[in-house]
Amino acid sequence: MINVLMIEDDPDFAEFLAEYLAQFNIKVTNYEDPYLGMSAGIKNYDCLILDLTLPGLDGLEVCREIREKYSIPIIISSARSDLSDKIVGLQIGADDYLPKPYDPKEMHARIMSLIRRSKRTNEIPEKIINSAFKIDEKRHEISYNDEVLVLTPAEYEILSYMIRQHGFSVSREQLVYHCKSLKDKDSKSLDVIIGRLRTKIGDNSKSPKHIFSVRGIGYKLIG
C-alpha cells in the first residue's frame, strides 16, 4: 500500500483522484485545511500532492515549510497558470509540477516515478556500508570507527550529507542548503563546523585522512 497525503481544497476533485488511484493500491488522505495537512504526520506518507490555492495559507508557503522539515516527494497540482508559480515551487523544494486539468493516469505515473526515485536516493551505497562512518537515522547518531560522535544538529546535518556523498566533492552551497540548523549562512560558519568535525574525528586539515578541502569547490569525505 502506498500512502499519499493530499492538501486540496476541492473535495470533489480529491475524491475523484482518490477513487482512481485506489485501483493501484494507493490510498489518498486529503485535507482541505493546509494547517491540518501539515500536522497530519507527514513521515507516515510516501508522497504529497499539494494544491497552491488554499484557504488561509498559500500552497507555496506550505511547500516551503514542509520541505524544510521533511524529504517527502512533493507534487504540486494546481490550476494556477503563472509560470513564476511553477518556477518558485520547484526552487523551494517541489519535485514535480502538474497543472490542472490533467488525466489521473499521468498523476499515477508521476507518483510512481517519484517514489522509485526516492527509494533509489535513500538506498545506502556499498561504499558507505564499508566506510568508517555509520549513520543511525532513527537515533539521529553518527558513529566513527564504531564510536558514537557527540554532535550538534548542524554538525550532524553536515556530516551525514557528506557521508551520503561519500567520495564525491560537495560544494559549499550544497552543504549550507542541506544544513537547516545553520543559522548563519555565511562561509565562515561552515568552516567553523568543518573544523569542529575534524577535531572530533582526529583529522588534521593539513594532512587529512577523511575530510579534504577541494579548492574552488568545497569538501570531500573519504574513508
Protein backbone atom coordinates (compact mmCIF):
# COMPACT_ATOMS: atom_id res chain seq x y z
CA MET A 1 0.00 0.00 0.00
CA ILE A 2 1.27 3.42 -0.99
CA ASN A 3 0.05 6.24 1.26
CA VAL A 4 -0.38 9.63 -0.35
CA LEU A 5 -1.10 12.82 1.56
CA MET A 6 -3.12 15.37 -0.40
CA ILE A 7 -3.74 19.00 0.54
CA GLU A 8 -6.52 20.14 -1.78
CA ASP A 9 -9.45 22.46 -1.06
CA ASP A 10 -11.69 20.89 -3.73
CA PRO A 11 -13.17 17.78 -2.05
CA ASP A 12 -14.85 16.55 -5.25
CA PHE A 13 -11.58 16.61 -7.17
CA ALA A 14 -9.74 14.93 -4.29
CA GLU A 15 -12.38 12.18 -4.11
CA PHE A 16 -12.24 11.62 -7.87
CA LEU A 17 -8.45 11.25 -7.82
CA ALA A 18 -8.52 9.04 -4.72
CA GLU A 19 -11.03 6.66 -6.34
CA TYR A 20 -8.89 6.35 -9.44
CA LEU A 21 -5.63 5.74 -7.56
CA ALA A 22 -7.24 3.20 -5.22
CA GLN A 23 -7.23 0.62 -8.03
CA PHE A 24 -3.42 0.75 -7.93
CA ASN A 25 -3.30 0.14 -4.17
CA ILE A 26 -2.68 3.82 -3.48
CA LYS A 27 -4.53 5.33 -0.53
CA VAL A 28 -5.10 9.09 -0.67
CA THR A 29 -5.82 11.05 2.51
CA ASN A 30 -6.92 14.60 1.77
CA TYR A 31 -7.03 17.69 3.96
CA GLU A 32 -8.77 20.82 2.74
CA ASP A 33 -7.18 22.88 5.51
CA PRO A 34 -3.42 23.30 4.92
CA TYR A 35 -2.68 23.60 8.63
CA LEU A 36 -4.33 20.25 9.30
CA GLY A 37 -2.44 18.74 6.39
CA MET A 38 0.91 19.93 7.72
CA SER A 39 0.20 18.39 11.12
CA ALA A 40 -1.04 15.06 9.76
CA GLY A 41 2.09 13.03 10.44
CA ILE A 42 3.91 13.60 7.18
CA LYS A 43 6.55 10.95 7.94
CA ASN A 44 3.81 8.32 7.57
CA TYR A 45 3.22 9.14 3.90
CA ASP A 46 5.11 8.22 0.74
CA CYS A 47 4.20 11.26 -1.35
CA LEU A 48 2.43 14.62 -1.11
CA ILE A 49 0.06 16.12 -3.71
CA LEU A 50 -0.22 19.83 -2.99
CA ASP A 51 -2.62 22.43 -4.38
CA LEU A 52 -1.48 26.06 -4.37
CA THR A 53 -4.74 27.95 -3.89
CA LEU A 54 -5.62 27.01 -0.33
CA PRO A 55 -7.66 28.67 2.43
CA GLY A 56 -5.61 30.63 4.94
CA LEU A 57 -2.15 29.78 3.61
CA ASP A 58 -0.68 29.81 0.13
CA GLY A 59 0.45 26.44 -1.18
CA LEU A 60 3.94 27.72 -1.95
CA GLU A 61 4.42 28.56 1.71
CA VAL A 62 3.11 25.10 2.64
CA CYS A 63 5.66 23.59 0.26
CA ARG A 64 8.46 25.66 1.76
CA GLU A 65 7.61 24.72 5.36
CA ILE A 66 7.25 21.00 4.62
CA ARG A 67 10.49 20.83 2.64
CA GLU A 68 12.41 22.47 5.48
CA LYS A 69 11.47 19.55 7.75
CA TYR A 70 10.81 16.52 5.54
CA SER A 71 12.21 14.77 2.47
CA ILE A 72 8.81 13.51 1.25
CA PRO A 73 8.37 13.72 -2.56
CA ILE A 74 6.12 16.69 -3.37
CA ILE A 75 3.95 17.07 -6.48
CA ILE A 76 2.31 20.47 -6.92
CA SER A 77 -1.11 20.08 -8.53
CA SER A 78 -2.55 23.47 -9.39
CA ALA A 79 -4.80 25.33 -11.81
CA ARG A 80 -2.63 28.44 -11.45
CA SER A 81 -1.07 29.05 -14.85
CA ASP A 82 1.56 31.62 -13.89
CA LEU A 83 4.99 30.30 -14.89
CA SER A 84 6.54 32.02 -11.88
CA ASP A 85 4.49 29.78 -9.54
CA LYS A 86 5.95 26.70 -11.21
CA ILE A 87 9.49 28.04 -11.08
CA VAL A 88 9.24 29.13 -7.44
CA GLY A 89 7.59 25.84 -6.44
CA LEU A 90 10.41 23.80 -7.92
CA GLN A 91 13.04 26.12 -6.46
CA ILE A 92 11.72 25.85 -2.90
CA GLY A 93 11.53 22.07 -2.88
CA ALA A 94 8.73 20.61 -5.02
CA ASP A 95 9.85 17.60 -7.04
CA ASP A 96 7.23 17.92 -9.78
CA TYR A 97 4.53 20.29 -11.02
CA LEU A 98 1.39 19.05 -12.76
CA PRO A 99 -1.00 21.77 -13.99
CA LYS A 100 -4.75 21.18 -13.76
CA PRO A 101 -6.70 19.82 -15.50
CA TYR A 102 -4.83 16.57 -16.05
CA ASP A 103 -5.54 12.93 -16.73
CA PRO A 104 -5.35 10.91 -13.48
CA LYS A 105 -3.23 8.37 -15.40
CA GLU A 106 -0.49 11.00 -15.59
CA MET A 107 -0.67 11.68 -11.86
CA HIS A 108 -0.37 7.96 -11.18
CA ALA A 109 2.70 7.75 -13.44
CA ARG A 110 4.34 10.71 -11.74
CA ILE A 111 3.67 9.36 -8.24
CA MET A 112 5.27 6.03 -9.10
CA SER A 113 8.24 7.71 -10.78
CA LEU A 114 8.93 9.92 -7.76
CA ILE A 115 8.63 7.05 -5.30
CA ARG A 116 11.06 4.93 -7.33
CA ARG A 117 13.49 7.85 -7.46
CA SER A 118 13.11 8.46 -3.72
CA LYS A 119 13.85 4.81 -2.91
CA ARG A 120 17.00 4.88 -5.03
CA THR A 121 18.14 8.06 -3.28
CA ASN A 122 17.58 6.55 0.16
CA GLU A 123 19.45 3.35 -0.61
CA ILE A 124 22.85 3.22 1.09
CA PRO A 125 25.63 2.53 -1.43
CA GLU A 126 28.12 -0.28 -0.74
CA LYS A 127 30.97 2.20 -0.33
CA ILE A 128 29.09 3.81 2.58
CA ILE A 129 28.45 0.42 4.19
CA ASN A 130 32.21 -0.16 4.16
CA SER A 131 33.01 3.31 5.47
CA ALA A 132 34.42 4.14 8.89
CA PHE A 133 31.32 6.33 9.31
CA LYS A 134 27.88 4.91 10.08
CA ILE A 135 24.57 6.80 10.23
CA ASP A 136 21.78 5.71 12.57
CA GLU A 137 18.86 7.81 11.35
CA LYS A 138 16.40 6.51 13.94
CA ARG A 139 18.65 7.60 16.79
CA HIS A 140 19.97 10.62 14.89
CA GLU A 141 23.53 9.46 15.54
CA ILE A 142 26.75 9.06 13.58
CA SER A 143 29.48 6.63 14.58
CA TYR A 144 33.13 6.83 13.61
CA ASN A 145 35.06 3.56 13.95
CA ASP A 146 32.11 2.22 15.99
CA GLU A 147 32.26 5.13 18.48
CA VAL A 148 29.22 7.43 18.61
CA LEU A 149 30.19 11.04 17.95
CA VAL A 150 28.76 13.81 20.10
CA LEU A 151 27.45 16.27 17.50
CA THR A 152 25.42 19.44 17.39
CA PRO A 153 22.40 19.43 15.00
CA ALA A 154 24.38 21.43 12.43
CA GLU A 155 27.37 19.07 12.68
CA TYR A 156 25.10 16.05 12.25
CA GLU A 157 23.43 17.51 9.15
CA ILE A 158 26.73 18.48 7.51
CA LEU A 159 28.48 15.19 8.25
CA SER A 160 25.53 12.98 7.30
CA TYR A 161 25.22 14.76 3.95
CA MET A 162 28.94 14.32 3.28
CA ILE A 163 28.71 10.63 4.18
CA ARG A 164 25.90 10.14 1.67
CA GLN A 165 28.05 11.85 -0.95
CA HIS A 166 31.00 9.69 0.10
CA GLY A 167 33.95 10.04 -2.28
CA PHE A 168 32.43 12.96 -4.19
CA SER A 169 33.21 16.65 -3.89
CA VAL A 170 30.35 18.73 -2.47
CA SER A 171 30.11 22.47 -2.88
CA ARG A 172 29.87 24.90 -0.01
CA GLU A 173 26.44 25.92 -1.35
CA GLN A 174 25.21 22.31 -1.18
CA LEU A 175 26.37 21.94 2.41
CA VAL A 176 24.76 25.19 3.51
CA TYR A 177 21.49 24.26 1.75
CA HIS A 178 21.28 20.87 3.45
CA CYS A 179 22.14 22.25 6.88
CA LYS A 180 18.83 23.60 8.18
CA SER A 181 20.31 24.15 11.64
CA LEU A 182 22.95 26.53 10.32
CA LYS A 183 21.50 29.90 11.32
CA ASP A 184 24.34 31.99 9.90
CA LYS A 185 24.61 31.01 6.22
CA ASP A 186 27.98 32.59 5.52
CA SER A 187 31.04 30.54 4.64
CA LYS A 188 32.85 31.28 7.89
CA SER A 189 30.18 29.46 9.89
CA LEU A 190 30.55 26.44 7.63
CA ASP A 191 34.32 26.49 8.08
CA VAL A 192 33.87 26.52 11.85
CA ILE A 193 31.62 23.43 11.68
CA ILE A 194 34.06 21.60 9.41
CA GLY A 195 36.85 22.47 11.83
CA ARG A 196 34.89 21.05 14.77
CA LEU A 197 34.12 17.87 12.84
CA ARG A 198 37.78 17.40 12.01
CA THR A 199 38.67 17.77 15.67
CA LYS A 200 36.05 15.24 16.74
CA ILE A 201 37.34 12.57 14.34
CA GLY A 202 41.00 13.40 14.95
CA ASP A 203 41.54 14.75 11.45
CA ASN A 204 44.20 17.29 10.53
CA SER A 205 43.38 19.97 7.96
CA LYS A 206 46.97 20.00 6.67
CA SER A 207 47.19 16.22 6.20
CA PRO A 208 43.61 14.91 6.46
CA LYS A 209 42.54 11.29 6.37
CA HIS A 210 38.84 11.88 5.84
CA ILE A 211 37.65 15.46 5.28
CA PHE A 212 39.51 17.03 2.38
CA SER A 213 39.26 20.63 1.19
CA VAL A 214 38.65 20.88 -2.57
CA ARG A 215 39.95 24.19 -3.89
CA GLY A 216 37.26 26.31 -5.51
CA ILE A 217 34.51 23.81 -4.71
CA GLY A 218 34.12 22.77 -1.09
CA TYR A 219 34.88 19.49 0.65
CA LYS A 220 35.09 15.75 0.11
CA LEU A 221 34.77 12.89 2.61
CA ILE A 222 36.61 9.62 2.06
CA GLY A 223 37.49 6.62 4.19
